[in-house]
N, C-alpha and C. Protein backbone atom coordinates (compact mmCIF):
# COMPACT_ATOMS: atom_id res chain seq x y z
N MET A 1 109.50 46.07 96.96
CA MET A 1 110.26 45.33 97.98
C MET A 1 111.57 44.85 97.36
N ALA A 2 112.67 45.23 97.96
CA ALA A 2 114.00 44.87 97.45
C ALA A 2 114.41 43.50 97.96
N ILE A 3 115.15 42.78 97.13
CA ILE A 3 115.73 41.50 97.55
C ILE A 3 116.97 41.81 98.38
N VAL A 4 117.14 41.09 99.49
CA VAL A 4 118.26 41.31 100.40
C VAL A 4 119.13 40.06 100.45
N PHE A 5 120.43 40.25 100.31
CA PHE A 5 121.41 39.17 100.47
C PHE A 5 122.33 39.55 101.62
N THR A 6 122.71 38.59 102.43
CA THR A 6 123.64 38.85 103.53
C THR A 6 124.68 37.74 103.58
N GLY A 7 125.77 38.02 104.28
CA GLY A 7 126.80 37.02 104.46
C GLY A 7 127.72 37.39 105.60
N PRO A 8 128.52 36.39 106.05
CA PRO A 8 129.39 36.62 107.20
C PRO A 8 130.73 37.28 106.86
N ALA A 9 131.19 37.15 105.60
CA ALA A 9 132.51 37.68 105.24
C ALA A 9 132.67 37.68 103.72
N ALA A 10 133.55 38.54 103.24
CA ALA A 10 133.86 38.62 101.81
C ALA A 10 135.17 39.38 101.65
N THR A 11 135.65 39.41 100.42
CA THR A 11 136.88 40.12 100.10
C THR A 11 136.61 41.09 98.96
N VAL A 12 137.20 42.27 99.03
CA VAL A 12 137.15 43.21 97.92
C VAL A 12 138.51 43.14 97.25
N ARG A 13 138.51 42.91 95.94
CA ARG A 13 139.77 42.74 95.21
C ARG A 13 139.95 43.79 94.13
N LEU A 14 141.22 44.14 93.93
CA LEU A 14 141.67 44.93 92.80
C LEU A 14 142.50 43.97 91.97
N GLY A 15 141.89 43.42 90.92
CA GLY A 15 142.54 42.34 90.20
C GLY A 15 142.66 41.15 91.15
N TYR A 16 143.85 40.58 91.27
CA TYR A 16 144.04 39.46 92.20
C TYR A 16 144.45 39.95 93.59
N GLN A 17 144.76 41.24 93.73
CA GLN A 17 145.22 41.77 95.02
C GLN A 17 144.04 42.11 95.93
N LYS A 18 144.23 41.85 97.22
CA LYS A 18 143.20 42.17 98.20
C LYS A 18 143.21 43.66 98.49
N ALA A 19 142.04 44.31 98.33
CA ALA A 19 141.90 45.72 98.67
C ALA A 19 141.29 45.87 100.05
N ALA A 20 140.44 44.90 100.45
CA ALA A 20 139.81 44.95 101.77
C ALA A 20 139.24 43.59 102.12
N THR A 21 139.16 43.34 103.41
CA THR A 21 138.44 42.19 103.94
C THR A 21 137.27 42.76 104.71
N VAL A 22 136.08 42.23 104.45
CA VAL A 22 134.90 42.70 105.17
C VAL A 22 134.31 41.57 105.99
N GLY A 23 133.71 41.95 107.10
CA GLY A 23 132.99 40.99 107.93
C GLY A 23 131.56 40.91 107.42
N SER A 24 130.61 41.00 108.31
CA SER A 24 129.21 40.86 107.90
C SER A 24 128.87 41.92 106.84
N TRP A 25 128.17 41.46 105.81
CA TRP A 25 127.81 42.34 104.70
C TRP A 25 126.35 42.15 104.34
N ARG A 26 125.81 43.14 103.63
CA ARG A 26 124.40 43.12 103.23
C ARG A 26 124.28 43.83 101.89
N VAL A 27 123.51 43.25 100.99
CA VAL A 27 123.21 43.89 99.71
C VAL A 27 121.70 44.05 99.65
N GLU A 28 121.27 45.30 99.49
CA GLU A 28 119.85 45.61 99.35
C GLU A 28 119.68 46.68 98.29
N GLY A 29 118.83 46.40 97.32
CA GLY A 29 118.60 47.37 96.25
C GLY A 29 119.86 47.69 95.46
N GLY A 30 120.76 46.73 95.34
CA GLY A 30 121.99 46.95 94.59
C GLY A 30 123.07 47.71 95.33
N VAL A 31 122.86 47.95 96.64
CA VAL A 31 123.86 48.67 97.44
C VAL A 31 124.44 47.73 98.49
N LEU A 32 125.75 47.66 98.53
CA LEU A 32 126.48 46.85 99.50
C LEU A 32 126.84 47.70 100.70
N THR A 33 126.59 47.19 101.89
CA THR A 33 127.12 47.77 103.12
C THR A 33 127.81 46.64 103.87
N ALA A 34 128.96 46.93 104.45
CA ALA A 34 129.73 45.89 105.13
C ALA A 34 130.61 46.49 106.20
N THR A 35 130.89 45.70 107.23
CA THR A 35 131.86 46.12 108.24
C THR A 35 133.26 45.82 107.70
N VAL A 36 134.18 46.73 107.90
CA VAL A 36 135.55 46.57 107.41
C VAL A 36 136.40 45.91 108.47
N VAL A 37 137.03 44.80 108.11
CA VAL A 37 137.98 44.11 108.99
C VAL A 37 139.35 44.73 108.78
N ASP A 38 139.76 44.87 107.52
CA ASP A 38 140.99 45.57 107.18
C ASP A 38 140.88 46.07 105.74
N ALA A 39 141.63 47.12 105.44
CA ALA A 39 141.60 47.69 104.09
C ALA A 39 142.96 48.28 103.76
N ASP A 40 143.35 48.15 102.50
CA ASP A 40 144.55 48.79 101.98
C ASP A 40 144.11 50.18 101.51
N GLY A 41 144.61 51.21 102.17
CA GLY A 41 144.18 52.58 101.90
C GLY A 41 144.34 53.02 100.46
N PHE A 42 145.33 52.48 99.75
CA PHE A 42 145.52 52.84 98.34
C PHE A 42 144.64 51.98 97.43
N ARG A 43 144.72 50.67 97.56
CA ARG A 43 143.99 49.78 96.65
C ARG A 43 142.48 50.01 96.68
N ILE A 44 141.94 50.31 97.85
CA ILE A 44 140.48 50.46 97.97
C ILE A 44 139.99 51.70 97.21
N THR A 45 140.90 52.61 96.85
CA THR A 45 140.51 53.80 96.09
C THR A 45 140.66 53.61 94.58
N GLN A 46 141.16 52.46 94.16
CA GLN A 46 141.41 52.22 92.75
C GLN A 46 140.20 51.52 92.10
N SER A 47 140.28 51.32 90.80
CA SER A 47 139.22 50.57 90.11
C SER A 47 139.85 49.80 88.96
N PRO A 48 139.23 48.71 88.54
CA PRO A 48 137.93 48.22 88.98
C PRO A 48 138.06 47.34 90.22
N LEU A 49 137.17 47.55 91.18
CA LEU A 49 137.11 46.71 92.37
C LEU A 49 136.01 45.67 92.20
N GLU A 50 136.21 44.53 92.86
CA GLU A 50 135.28 43.42 92.73
C GLU A 50 135.03 42.79 94.10
N LEU A 51 133.77 42.53 94.39
CA LEU A 51 133.41 41.82 95.62
C LEU A 51 133.53 40.33 95.34
N GLU A 52 134.24 39.62 96.21
CA GLU A 52 134.42 38.18 96.07
C GLU A 52 133.80 37.49 97.29
N ILE A 53 132.72 36.74 97.03
CA ILE A 53 131.99 36.07 98.10
C ILE A 53 132.30 34.57 98.02
N PRO A 54 132.89 34.00 99.07
CA PRO A 54 133.21 32.56 99.04
C PRO A 54 131.93 31.73 99.05
N ASN A 55 131.97 30.60 98.37
CA ASN A 55 130.88 29.63 98.37
C ASN A 55 131.36 28.33 98.99
N LYS A 56 130.45 27.60 99.62
CA LYS A 56 130.83 26.33 100.25
C LYS A 56 131.38 25.36 99.21
N GLU A 57 130.78 25.37 98.04
CA GLU A 57 131.24 24.50 96.95
C GLU A 57 131.41 25.35 95.70
N GLY A 58 132.41 25.03 94.93
CA GLY A 58 132.63 25.74 93.68
C GLY A 58 133.36 27.05 93.85
N PRO A 59 133.51 27.76 92.74
CA PRO A 59 134.25 29.03 92.77
C PRO A 59 133.46 30.12 93.49
N PRO A 60 134.17 31.16 93.93
CA PRO A 60 133.47 32.26 94.60
C PRO A 60 132.59 33.04 93.63
N THR A 61 131.60 33.73 94.18
CA THR A 61 130.76 34.64 93.41
C THR A 61 131.47 35.98 93.36
N ARG A 62 131.53 36.59 92.19
CA ARG A 62 132.22 37.87 92.03
C ARG A 62 131.28 38.89 91.39
N ARG A 63 131.30 40.10 91.92
CA ARG A 63 130.49 41.19 91.39
C ARG A 63 131.31 42.48 91.39
N ARG A 64 131.27 43.19 90.28
CA ARG A 64 131.97 44.47 90.16
C ARG A 64 131.33 45.52 91.07
N LEU A 65 132.16 46.41 91.59
CA LEU A 65 131.70 47.47 92.49
C LEU A 65 131.98 48.85 91.89
N ALA A 66 131.15 49.80 92.27
CA ALA A 66 131.36 51.20 91.89
C ALA A 66 131.06 52.08 93.10
N ASP A 67 131.59 53.28 93.09
CA ASP A 67 131.33 54.26 94.15
C ASP A 67 131.65 53.72 95.54
N VAL A 68 132.80 53.07 95.66
CA VAL A 68 133.21 52.47 96.93
C VAL A 68 133.66 53.55 97.91
N THR A 69 133.11 53.49 99.12
CA THR A 69 133.46 54.44 100.18
C THR A 69 133.74 53.66 101.46
N VAL A 70 134.81 54.02 102.15
CA VAL A 70 135.11 53.44 103.45
C VAL A 70 135.15 54.58 104.46
N ALA A 71 134.32 54.47 105.49
CA ALA A 71 134.28 55.49 106.53
C ALA A 71 133.73 54.90 107.82
N ASN A 72 134.32 55.29 108.92
CA ASN A 72 133.85 54.86 110.25
C ASN A 72 133.69 53.35 110.38
N GLY A 73 134.61 52.61 109.76
CA GLY A 73 134.58 51.15 109.89
C GLY A 73 133.59 50.44 108.99
N TYR A 74 132.97 51.18 108.06
CA TYR A 74 132.00 50.57 107.14
C TYR A 74 132.37 50.86 105.70
N LEU A 75 132.06 49.91 104.83
CA LEU A 75 132.25 50.06 103.40
C LEU A 75 130.87 50.11 102.76
N THR A 76 130.67 51.03 101.85
CA THR A 76 129.45 51.08 101.04
C THR A 76 129.87 51.14 99.58
N ALA A 77 129.05 50.53 98.71
CA ALA A 77 129.34 50.52 97.28
C ALA A 77 128.08 50.12 96.51
N ARG A 78 128.08 50.45 95.23
CA ARG A 78 127.03 49.97 94.33
C ARG A 78 127.53 48.72 93.64
N LEU A 79 126.67 47.72 93.53
CA LEU A 79 126.99 46.53 92.74
C LEU A 79 126.58 46.81 91.31
N LEU A 80 127.47 46.52 90.37
CA LEU A 80 127.18 46.72 88.97
C LEU A 80 126.54 45.46 88.39
N LYS A 81 125.67 45.64 87.44
CA LYS A 81 125.02 44.50 86.80
C LYS A 81 126.02 43.79 85.90
N GLY A 82 125.83 42.49 85.75
CA GLY A 82 126.74 41.71 84.91
C GLY A 82 128.03 41.43 85.64
N HIS A 83 129.01 40.95 84.88
CA HIS A 83 130.28 40.62 85.51
C HIS A 83 131.38 41.47 84.96
């Protein structure tokens, strides 16, 4: 049984630059799926990309991404272990 995390919104970053804004997202078995609100067609193809999840208190949670794909309004990627 895989652990599932969900959220209402997040940002995908290339360094400090925004590569994409996502709406509802889900992580299951280390795979992220999310609806795309907007994406920079060039930045989203670069690496290293990082998922930035806002927290109510404190700094955002950040996780490195690999194998990022955007198609039909959805983003999929693998979350890498560690930071």
